[in-house]
C-alpha cells in the first residue's frame, strides 16, 4: 500500500466525494450563469429605459426652450407696446397742459409719467407764484405820484428866500 494512504479509505469514496463536489460546482456555475443572464437582461433593460428617458428629456427640453423663447418674445413685445403707450400718454399730457416743462415730464411707464407730472406741476406752480410775487413787488402805481411838500434842504439860503417870496405871491 502506498504511503500516506489510509487503508480504511476507499478510492470509490474519494471519487464519489469528488463527483459530488464536481456536481455542486457545476450547479453553482449553472446558477451563476443564470444569475448573470438575468443581471445582463436587467442591465440591457436599464440601458434601454435610460435611453428612452434621455430622449424624452431632450424632447421636453426642446419644447421648454421653444416655449421659453415664445414667452420671451411676447414679453419683449408687451414691453415695447407699454413704452409706446407711455410715450403717447406723455405727449398727450404735455399737449393738455402746455405750462408743464417737457424736460421735467419723463418715465417709461404711465405711473412714472404721472409721478413726474405731479412734480412738474408743483415746480410750475412754484415758479408762477414766484413770478407773481416779483411782479407785485415791482409794480408801479398808475398816474402821477402823490404831491408832497418840496424838499428844501438842498437849497441855499438865497434860494429858500426866493421860494418863500414866490409862494406868497401865488
N, C-alpha and C. Protein backbone atom coordinates (compact mmCIF):
# COMPACT_ATOMS: atom_id res chain seq x y z
N UNK A 1 0.84 -1.16 0.00
CA UNK A 1 0.00 0.00 0.00
C UNK A 1 0.89 1.23 0.00
N UNK A 2 0.54 2.18 -0.82
CA UNK A 2 1.42 3.35 -0.88
C UNK A 2 1.33 4.09 0.42
N UNK A 3 2.39 4.84 0.67
CA UNK A 3 2.48 5.61 1.90
C UNK A 3 1.52 6.77 1.86
N UNK A 4 1.03 7.16 2.99
CA UNK A 4 0.15 8.28 3.13
C UNK A 4 -1.28 7.97 2.83
N UNK A 5 -1.53 6.72 2.50
CA UNK A 5 -2.92 6.37 2.19
C UNK A 5 -3.50 5.67 3.37
N UNK A 6 -4.73 5.99 3.60
CA UNK A 6 -5.43 5.38 4.72
C UNK A 6 -6.00 4.05 4.24
N UNK A 7 -5.66 3.02 4.94
CA UNK A 7 -6.15 1.73 4.46
C UNK A 7 -7.65 1.61 4.56
N UNK A 8 -8.22 2.36 5.51
CA UNK A 8 -9.67 2.25 5.65
C UNK A 8 -10.39 3.10 4.59
N UNK A 9 -9.66 3.89 3.94
CA UNK A 9 -10.23 4.83 2.99
C UNK A 9 -10.28 4.19 1.63
N UNK A 10 -11.36 4.28 1.04
CA UNK A 10 -11.57 3.60 -0.22
C UNK A 10 -11.54 4.60 -1.37
N UNK A 11 -10.99 4.22 -2.54
CA UNK A 11 -10.92 5.11 -3.71
C UNK A 11 -12.30 5.47 -4.22
N UNK A 12 -13.18 4.61 -4.09
CA UNK A 12 -14.52 4.89 -4.58
C UNK A 12 -15.19 5.96 -3.74
N UNK A 13 -14.89 6.01 -2.45
CA UNK A 13 -15.43 7.08 -1.60
C UNK A 13 -14.86 8.43 -2.04
N UNK A 14 -13.62 8.41 -2.33
CA UNK A 14 -12.96 9.65 -2.77
C UNK A 14 -13.53 10.11 -4.10
N UNK A 15 -13.73 9.19 -4.96
CA UNK A 15 -14.26 9.51 -6.28
C UNK A 15 -15.69 10.03 -6.14
N UNK A 16 -16.44 9.42 -5.27
CA UNK A 16 -17.82 9.85 -5.06
C UNK A 16 -17.84 11.26 -4.48
N UNK A 17 -16.92 11.52 -3.54
CA UNK A 17 -16.86 12.86 -2.94
C UNK A 17 -16.46 13.88 -3.99
N UNK A 18 -15.49 13.52 -4.84
CA UNK A 18 -15.07 14.44 -5.90
C UNK A 18 -16.21 14.68 -6.90
N UNK A 19 -16.94 13.62 -7.21
CA UNK A 19 -18.07 13.77 -8.12
C UNK A 19 -19.15 14.66 -7.50
N UNK A 20 -19.37 14.48 -6.20
CA UNK A 20 -20.35 15.34 -5.52
C UNK A 20 -19.91 16.80 -5.58
N UNK A 21 -18.63 17.01 -5.33
CA UNK A 21 -18.09 18.38 -5.37
C UNK A 21 -18.17 18.93 -6.79
N UNK A 22 -17.88 18.09 -7.79
CA UNK A 22 -17.95 18.50 -9.18
C UNK A 22 -19.39 18.84 -9.56
N UNK A 23 -20.35 18.03 -9.13
CA UNK A 23 -21.75 18.29 -9.41
C UNK A 23 -22.20 19.59 -8.72
N UNK A 24 -21.75 19.79 -7.51
CA UNK A 24 -22.10 21.02 -6.79
C UNK A 24 -21.50 22.23 -7.49
N UNK A 25 -20.25 22.09 -7.97
CA UNK A 25 -19.59 23.19 -8.68
C UNK A 25 -20.33 23.49 -9.98
N UNK A 26 -20.74 22.40 -10.69
CA UNK A 26 -21.48 22.61 -11.93
C UNK A 26 -22.84 23.27 -11.64
N UNK A 27 -23.47 22.91 -10.55
CA UNK A 27 -24.75 23.53 -10.17
C UNK A 27 -24.52 25.00 -9.85
N UNK A 28 -23.41 25.29 -9.14
CA UNK A 28 -23.07 26.69 -8.85
C UNK A 28 -22.81 27.47 -10.13
N UNK A 29 -22.10 26.83 -11.07
CA UNK A 29 -21.81 27.50 -12.34
C UNK A 29 -23.11 27.79 -13.09
N UNK A 30 -24.00 26.78 -13.13
CA UNK A 30 -25.27 26.98 -13.82
C UNK A 30 -26.09 28.07 -13.15
N UNK A 31 -26.12 28.08 -11.80
CA UNK A 31 -26.84 29.12 -11.06
C UNK A 31 -26.23 30.49 -11.34
N UNK A 32 -24.90 30.59 -11.32
CA UNK A 32 -24.22 31.85 -11.59
C UNK A 32 -24.44 32.30 -13.03
N UNK A 33 -24.42 31.37 -13.98
CA UNK A 33 -24.70 31.73 -15.37
C UNK A 33 -26.13 32.26 -15.52
N UNK A 34 -27.07 31.59 -14.80
CA UNK A 34 -28.47 32.03 -14.83
C UNK A 34 -28.59 33.43 -14.22
N UNK A 35 -27.95 33.66 -13.08
CA UNK A 35 -27.98 34.97 -12.42
C UNK A 35 -27.32 36.03 -13.30
N UNK A 36 -26.23 35.64 -13.97
CA UNK A 36 -25.53 36.56 -14.87
C UNK A 36 -26.44 36.93 -16.05
N UNK A 37 -27.14 35.94 -16.59
CA UNK A 37 -28.06 36.20 -17.71
C UNK A 37 -29.18 37.15 -17.26
N UNK A 38 -29.71 36.91 -16.04
CA UNK A 38 -30.76 37.80 -15.52
C UNK A 38 -30.22 39.21 -15.33
N UNK A 39 -29.03 39.32 -14.72
CA UNK A 39 -28.43 40.64 -14.48
C UNK A 39 -28.13 41.34 -15.81
N UNK A 40 -27.66 40.57 -16.79
CA UNK A 40 -27.37 41.14 -18.10
C UNK A 40 -28.66 41.65 -18.76
N UNK A 41 -29.72 40.89 -18.65
CA UNK A 41 -31.01 41.30 -19.22
C UNK A 41 -31.52 42.55 -18.49
N UNK A 42 -31.35 42.58 -17.18
CA UNK A 42 -31.77 43.76 -16.41
C UNK A 42 -30.93 44.99 -16.80
N UNK A 43 -29.65 44.78 -17.00
CA UNK A 43 -28.77 45.88 -17.39
C UNK A 43 -29.16 46.39 -18.78
N UNK A 44 -29.45 45.48 -19.71
CA UNK A 44 -29.88 45.88 -21.04
C UNK A 44 -31.19 46.66 -20.98
N UNK A 45 -32.13 46.18 -20.14
CA UNK A 45 -33.41 46.88 -20.00
C UNK A 45 -33.19 48.25 -19.37
N UNK A 46 -32.30 48.34 -18.39
CA UNK A 46 -32.00 49.63 -17.75
C UNK A 46 -31.38 50.58 -18.77
N UNK A 47 -30.50 50.08 -19.64
CA UNK A 47 -29.90 50.92 -20.67
C UNK A 47 -30.96 51.40 -21.65
N UNK A 48 -31.90 50.52 -22.02
CA UNK A 48 -32.99 50.90 -22.92
C UNK A 48 -33.87 51.95 -22.25
N UNK A 49 -34.19 51.72 -20.98
CA UNK A 49 -35.02 52.68 -20.23
C UNK A 49 -34.30 54.02 -20.11
N UNK A 50 -33.00 53.99 -19.84
CA UNK A 50 -32.23 55.23 -19.71
C UNK A 50 -32.20 55.99 -21.03
N UNK A 51 -32.04 55.28 -22.13
CA UNK A 51 -32.02 55.93 -23.45
C UNK A 51 -33.38 56.55 -23.75
N UNK A 52 -34.46 55.82 -23.43
CA UNK A 52 -35.80 56.35 -23.66
C UNK A 52 -36.04 57.59 -22.79
N UNK A 53 -35.59 57.53 -21.55
CA UNK A 53 -35.73 58.67 -20.66
C UNK A 53 -34.92 59.87 -21.16
N UNK A 54 -33.71 59.60 -21.66
CA UNK A 54 -32.86 60.67 -22.20
C UNK A 54 -33.55 61.33 -23.39
N UNK A 55 -34.11 60.51 -24.28
CA UNK A 55 -34.80 61.06 -25.45
C UNK A 55 -36.04 61.87 -25.03
N UNK A 56 -36.75 61.35 -24.04
CA UNK A 56 -37.93 62.07 -23.54
C UNK A 56 -37.51 63.41 -22.92
N UNK A 57 -36.43 63.40 -22.17
CA UNK A 57 -35.93 64.64 -21.56
C UNK A 57 -35.47 65.63 -22.63
N UNK A 58 -34.85 65.13 -23.69
CA UNK A 58 -34.42 66.01 -24.77
C UNK A 58 -35.62 66.66 -25.44
N UNK A 59 -36.67 65.88 -25.68
CA UNK A 59 -37.88 66.42 -26.29
C UNK A 59 -38.54 67.44 -25.35
N UNK A 60 -38.58 67.13 -24.08
CA UNK A 60 -39.15 68.06 -23.10
C UNK A 60 -38.33 69.34 -23.05
N UNK A 61 -37.02 69.21 -23.06
CA UNK A 61 -36.13 70.38 -23.03
C UNK A 61 -36.33 71.24 -24.28
N UNK A 62 -36.43 70.59 -25.43
CA UNK A 62 -36.63 71.34 -26.68
C UNK A 62 -37.97 72.08 -26.64
N UNK A 63 -39.01 71.41 -26.15
CA UNK A 63 -40.32 72.05 -26.07
C UNK A 63 -40.28 73.21 -25.07
N UNK A 64 -39.61 72.99 -23.95
CA UNK A 64 -39.50 74.06 -22.94
C UNK A 64 -38.71 75.24 -23.49
N UNK A 65 -37.65 74.96 -24.21
CA UNK A 65 -36.86 76.04 -24.80
C UNK A 65 -37.67 76.84 -25.80
N UNK A 66 -38.44 76.16 -26.61
CA UNK A 66 -39.28 76.85 -27.60
C UNK A 66 -40.34 77.69 -26.89
N UNK A 67 -40.95 77.12 -25.86
CA UNK A 67 -41.97 77.85 -25.11
C UNK A 67 -41.36 79.06 -24.41
N UNK A 68 -40.17 78.89 -23.84
CA UNK A 68 -39.48 79.99 -23.17
C UNK A 68 -39.17 81.11 -24.17
N UNK A 69 -38.72 80.75 -25.34
CA UNK A 69 -38.40 81.76 -26.36
C UNK A 69 -39.66 82.49 -26.81
N UNK A 70 -40.76 81.76 -26.97
CA UNK A 70 -42.02 82.38 -27.36
C UNK A 70 -42.49 83.35 -26.27
N UNK A 71 -42.38 82.94 -25.02
CA UNK A 71 -42.77 83.82 -23.91
C UNK A 71 -41.87 85.04 -23.82
N UNK A 72 -40.58 84.85 -24.07
CA UNK A 72 -39.64 85.97 -24.05
C UNK A 72 -40.00 86.97 -25.15
N UNK A 73 -40.34 86.46 -26.33
CA UNK A 73 -40.74 87.33 -27.44
C UNK A 73 -42.01 88.10 -27.09
N UNK A 74 -42.98 87.39 -26.50
CA UNK A 74 -44.22 88.06 -26.10
C UNK A 74 -43.95 89.13 -25.05
N UNK A 75 -43.08 88.83 -24.10
CA UNK A 75 -42.75 89.81 -23.05
C UNK A 75 -42.07 91.03 -23.66
N UNK A 76 -41.15 90.81 -24.60
CA UNK A 76 -40.48 91.93 -25.26
C UNK A 76 -41.48 92.79 -26.03
N UNK A 77 -42.41 92.15 -26.73
CA UNK A 77 -43.42 92.89 -27.48
C UNK A 77 -44.32 93.68 -26.53
N UNK A 78 -44.70 93.07 -25.41
CA UNK A 78 -45.55 93.76 -24.43
C UNK A 78 -44.81 94.96 -23.83
N UNK A 79 -43.53 94.80 -23.57
CA UNK A 79 -42.73 95.89 -23.02
C UNK A 79 -42.65 97.04 -24.04
N UNK A 80 -42.44 96.71 -25.30
CA UNK A 80 -42.37 97.74 -26.34
C UNK A 80 -43.71 98.46 -26.47
N UNK A 81 -44.82 97.70 -26.44
CA UNK A 81 -46.15 98.34 -26.52
C UNK A 81 -46.38 99.24 -25.31
N UNK A 82 -45.95 98.79 -24.16
CA UNK A 82 -46.12 99.59 -22.94
C UNK A 82 -45.33 100.90 -23.02
N UNK A 83 -44.10 100.83 -23.51
CA UNK A 83 -43.28 102.03 -23.66
C UNK A 83 -43.90 102.99 -24.69
N UNK A 84 -44.41 102.44 -25.80
CA UNK A 84 -45.07 103.27 -26.81
C UNK A 84 -46.30 103.96 -26.22
N UNK A 85 -47.08 103.22 -25.48
CA UNK A 85 -48.27 103.80 -24.85
C UNK A 85 -47.88 104.88 -23.86
N UNK A 86 -46.84 104.64 -23.09
CA UNK A 86 -46.38 105.64 -22.11
C UNK A 86 -45.89 106.90 -22.83
N UNK A 87 -45.20 106.73 -23.94
CA UNK A 87 -44.71 107.90 -24.69
C UNK A 87 -45.89 108.70 -25.26
N UNK A 88 -46.90 108.00 -25.79
CA UNK A 88 -48.08 108.71 -26.30
C UNK A 88 -48.82 109.41 -25.16
N UNK A 89 -48.90 108.79 -24.01
CA UNK A 89 -49.53 109.40 -22.85
C UNK A 89 -48.78 110.66 -22.43
N UNK A 90 -47.47 110.60 -22.45
CA UNK A 90 -46.64 111.76 -22.09
C UNK A 90 -46.93 112.92 -23.04
N UNK A 91 -46.92 112.63 -24.35
CA UNK A 91 -47.18 113.67 -25.35
C UNK A 91 -48.58 114.27 -25.17
N UNK A 92 -49.56 113.43 -24.90
CA UNK A 92 -50.92 113.90 -24.69
C UNK A 92 -50.99 114.83 -23.47
N UNK A 93 -50.36 114.43 -22.38
CA UNK A 93 -50.39 115.24 -21.17
C UNK A 93 -49.68 116.58 -21.38
N UNK A 94 -48.59 116.59 -22.16
CA UNK A 94 -47.90 117.85 -22.44
C UNK A 94 -48.75 118.76 -23.33
N UNK A 95 -49.54 118.17 -24.25
CA UNK A 95 -50.43 118.99 -25.07
C UNK A 95 -51.59 119.53 -24.24
N UNK A 96 -52.08 118.73 -23.29
CA UNK A 96 -53.19 119.17 -22.44
C UNK A 96 -52.76 120.24 -21.44
N UNK A 97 -51.52 120.17 -21.01
CA UNK A 97 -51.00 121.13 -20.03
C UNK A 97 -49.73 121.77 -20.57
N UNK A 98 -49.87 122.75 -21.46
CA UNK A 98 -48.70 123.35 -22.11
C UNK A 98 -47.79 124.09 -21.12
N UNK A 99 -48.27 124.40 -19.93
CA UNK A 99 -47.46 125.11 -18.95
C UNK A 99 -46.46 124.21 -18.25
N UNK A 100 -46.53 122.90 -18.48
CA UNK A 100 -45.58 121.98 -17.85
C UNK A 100 -44.27 121.97 -18.63
N UNK A 101 -43.16 122.05 -17.94
CA UNK A 101 -41.87 121.97 -18.65
C UNK A 101 -41.63 120.53 -19.14
N UNK A 102 -41.47 120.33 -20.44
CA UNK A 102 -41.33 118.98 -21.01
C UNK A 102 -40.13 118.20 -20.45
N UNK A 103 -39.07 118.90 -20.11
CA UNK A 103 -37.88 118.18 -19.62
C UNK A 103 -38.10 117.62 -18.22
N UNK A 104 -39.16 118.05 -17.52
CA UNK A 104 -39.45 117.51 -16.19
C UNK A 104 -40.43 116.34 -16.24
N UNK A 105 -41.07 116.13 -17.40
CA UNK A 105 -42.03 115.03 -17.55
C UNK A 105 -41.33 113.89 -18.26
N UNK A 106 -41.03 112.84 -17.50
CA UNK A 106 -40.30 111.70 -18.08
C UNK A 106 -40.72 110.42 -17.39
N UNK A 107 -40.34 109.30 -17.98
CA UNK A 107 -40.64 107.98 -17.42
C UNK A 107 -40.92 106.99 -18.53
N UNK A 108 -40.81 105.69 -18.17
CA UNK A 108 -41.05 104.62 -19.14
C UNK A 108 -42.42 103.98 -18.95
N UNK A 109 -43.09 104.29 -17.83
CA UNK A 109 -44.41 103.74 -17.57
C UNK A 109 -45.38 104.88 -17.28
N UNK A 110 -46.66 104.59 -17.36
CA UNK A 110 -47.68 105.60 -17.08
C UNK A 110 -47.54 106.09 -15.64
N UNK A 111 -47.28 105.17 -14.71
CA UNK A 111 -47.12 105.56 -13.31
C UNK A 111 -45.94 106.50 -13.12
N UNK A 112 -44.82 106.20 -13.77
CA UNK A 112 -43.65 107.08 -13.66
C UNK A 112 -43.94 108.46 -14.26
N UNK A 113 -44.65 108.47 -15.37
CA UNK A 113 -45.00 109.75 -16.01
C UNK A 113 -45.96 110.53 -15.11
N UNK A 114 -46.95 109.84 -14.53
CA UNK A 114 -47.87 110.53 -13.61
C UNK A 114 -47.11 111.15 -12.44
N UNK A 115 -46.16 110.42 -11.90
CA UNK A 115 -45.37 110.96 -10.78
C UNK A 115 -44.57 112.18 -11.22
N UNK A 116 -43.98 112.13 -12.41
CA UNK A 116 -43.19 113.27 -12.87
C UNK A 116 -44.09 114.45 -13.23
N UNK A 117 -45.32 114.19 -13.70
CA UNK A 117 -46.27 115.27 -13.98
C UNK A 117 -46.64 115.98 -12.69
N UNK A 118 -46.86 115.21 -11.64
CA UNK A 118 -47.18 115.81 -10.34
C UNK A 118 -46.04 116.70 -9.88
N UNK A 119 -44.82 116.21 -10.02
CA UNK A 119 -43.66 117.02 -9.63
C UNK A 119 -43.52 118.25 -10.53
N UNK A 120 -43.76 118.10 -11.83
CA UNK A 120 -43.66 119.23 -12.76
C UNK A 120 -44.73 120.27 -12.46
N UNK A 121 -45.93 119.82 -12.10
CA UNK A 121 -46.99 120.77 -11.72
C UNK A 121 -46.57 121.59 -10.50
N UNK A 122 -45.95 120.90 -9.53
CA UNK A 122 -45.51 121.61 -8.32
C UNK A 122 -44.44 122.64 -8.66
N UNK A 123 -43.49 122.25 -9.52
CA UNK A 123 -42.43 123.19 -9.93
C UNK A 123 -43.04 124.37 -10.69
N UNK A 124 -43.95 124.10 -11.63
CA UNK A 124 -44.58 125.17 -12.42
C UNK A 124 -45.37 126.11 -11.50
N UNK A 125 -46.10 125.55 -10.54
CA UNK A 125 -46.86 126.39 -9.60
C UNK A 125 -45.93 127.25 -8.76
N UNK A 126 -44.83 126.69 -8.35
CA UNK A 126 -43.85 127.44 -7.55
C UNK A 126 -43.24 128.58 -8.37
N UNK A 127 -42.90 128.30 -9.61
CA UNK A 127 -42.33 129.34 -10.49
C UNK A 127 -43.37 130.43 -10.74
N UNK A 128 -44.64 130.04 -11.01
CA UNK A 128 -45.69 131.03 -11.22
C UNK A 128 -45.86 131.92 -9.99
N UNK A 129 -45.89 131.30 -8.82
CA UNK A 129 -46.06 132.07 -7.59
C UNK A 129 -44.90 133.03 -7.39
N UNK A 130 -43.69 132.58 -7.67
CA UNK A 130 -42.51 133.44 -7.53
C UNK A 130 -42.58 134.60 -8.52
N UNK A 131 -42.96 134.31 -9.76
CA UNK A 131 -43.06 135.36 -10.76
C UNK A 131 -44.16 136.36 -10.40
N UNK A 132 -45.28 135.89 -9.86
CA UNK A 132 -46.36 136.78 -9.44
C UNK A 132 -45.89 137.67 -8.30
N UNK A 133 -45.17 137.09 -7.35
CA UNK A 133 -44.63 137.88 -6.23
C UNK A 133 -43.67 138.95 -6.74
N UNK A 134 -42.83 138.58 -7.67
CA UNK A 134 -41.88 139.55 -8.21
C UNK A 134 -42.62 140.66 -8.96
N UNK A 135 -43.63 140.29 -9.72
CA UNK A 135 -44.40 141.29 -10.47
C UNK A 135 -45.12 142.23 -9.51
N UNK A 136 -45.62 141.72 -8.41
CA UNK A 136 -46.31 142.55 -7.43
C UNK A 136 -45.35 143.53 -6.77
N UNK A 137 -44.15 143.05 -6.45
CA UNK A 137 -43.20 143.93 -5.77
C UNK A 137 -42.63 144.99 -6.71
N UNK A 138 -42.58 144.73 -7.99
CA UNK A 138 -42.03 145.69 -8.95
C UNK A 138 -43.11 146.59 -9.54
N UNK A 139 -44.33 146.45 -9.13
CA UNK A 139 -45.45 147.21 -9.69
C UNK A 139 -45.34 148.69 -9.29
N UNK A 140 -45.57 149.55 -10.26
CA UNK A 140 -45.57 151.00 -10.04
C UNK A 140 -47.01 151.46 -10.18
N UNK A 141 -47.52 152.23 -9.23
CA UNK A 141 -48.91 152.66 -9.34
C UNK A 141 -49.10 153.55 -10.57
N UNK A 142 -50.25 153.45 -11.17
CA UNK A 142 -50.56 154.25 -12.35
C UNK A 142 -50.84 155.70 -11.95
N UNK A 143 -50.56 156.63 -12.83
CA UNK A 143 -50.85 158.04 -12.59
C UNK A 143 -49.67 158.78 -11.98
N UNK A 144 -49.93 160.04 -11.61
CA UNK A 144 -48.88 160.90 -11.06
C UNK A 144 -48.61 160.52 -9.62
N UNK A 145 -47.40 160.80 -9.19
CA UNK A 145 -47.10 160.50 -7.80
C UNK A 145 -47.85 161.47 -6.87
N UNK A 146 -48.02 161.07 -5.64
CA UNK A 146 -48.72 161.88 -4.65
C UNK A 146 -47.92 163.16 -4.41
N UNK A 147 -48.64 164.29 -4.35
CA UNK A 147 -47.96 165.56 -4.13
C UNK A 147 -47.58 165.66 -2.67
N UNK A 148 -46.44 166.16 -2.47
CA UNK A 148 -45.96 166.38 -1.12
C UNK A 148 -45.21 167.70 -1.05
N UNK A 149 -44.80 168.06 0.08
CA UNK A 149 -44.04 169.30 0.23
C UNK A 149 -42.69 169.13 -0.41
N UNK A 150 -42.20 170.17 -1.11
CA UNK A 150 -40.89 170.06 -1.74
C UNK A 150 -39.80 169.97 -0.69
N UNK A 151 -38.76 169.32 -1.07
CA UNK A 151 -37.61 169.18 -0.18
C UNK A 151 -36.72 170.40 -0.34
N UNK A 152 -36.69 171.23 0.68
CA UNK A 152 -35.94 172.49 0.63
C UNK A 152 -34.57 172.35 1.27
N UNK A 153 -34.23 171.20 1.71
CA UNK A 153 -32.97 171.03 2.44
C UNK A 153 -31.75 171.23 1.56
N UNK A 154 -31.87 171.02 0.29
CA UNK A 154 -30.71 171.17 -0.58
C UNK A 154 -30.56 172.60 -1.15
N UNK A 155 -31.53 173.47 -0.85
CA UNK A 155 -31.48 174.84 -1.38
C UNK A 155 -30.57 175.72 -0.51
N UNK A 156 -29.98 176.71 -1.16
CA UNK A 156 -29.16 177.69 -0.43
C UNK A 156 -30.10 178.68 0.27
N UNK A 157 -29.62 179.46 1.23
CA UNK A 157 -30.50 180.41 1.91
C UNK A 157 -31.13 181.38 0.92
N UNK A 158 -30.44 181.86 -0.04
CA UNK A 158 -30.97 182.80 -1.02
C UNK A 158 -32.11 182.15 -1.80
N UNK A 159 -31.93 180.85 -2.20
CA UNK A 159 -32.96 180.13 -2.95
C UNK A 159 -34.19 179.90 -2.07
N UNK A 160 -33.96 179.67 -0.80
CA UNK A 160 -35.07 179.47 0.11
C UNK A 160 -35.91 180.75 0.22
N UNK A 161 -35.23 181.91 0.32
CA UNK A 161 -35.94 183.19 0.42
C UNK A 161 -36.73 183.41 -0.86
N UNK A 162 -36.11 183.14 -2.01
CA UNK A 162 -36.79 183.35 -3.29
C UNK A 162 -38.00 182.43 -3.39
N UNK A 163 -37.89 181.22 -2.94
CA UNK A 163 -39.00 180.27 -2.97
C UNK A 163 -40.13 180.77 -2.07
N UNK A 164 -39.77 181.23 -0.88
CA UNK A 164 -40.77 181.74 0.07
C UNK A 164 -41.51 182.94 -0.52
N UNK A 165 -40.83 183.85 -1.15
CA UNK A 165 -41.47 185.02 -1.74
C UNK A 165 -42.39 184.60 -2.89
N UNK A 166 -41.97 183.62 -3.65
CA UNK A 166 -42.80 183.19 -4.77
C UNK A 166 -44.08 182.50 -4.27
N UNK A 167 -44.00 181.85 -3.16
CA UNK A 167 -45.18 181.16 -2.62
C UNK A 167 -46.16 182.21 -2.08
N UNK A 168 -45.67 183.33 -1.61
CA UNK A 168 -46.53 184.39 -1.10
C UNK A 168 -47.31 185.03 -2.22
N UNK A 169 -46.67 185.15 -3.31
CA UNK A 169 -47.28 185.83 -4.43
C UNK A 169 -48.36 184.97 -5.09
N UNK A 170 -48.42 183.75 -4.90
CA UNK A 170 -49.42 182.90 -5.55
C UNK A 170 -50.66 183.02 -4.88
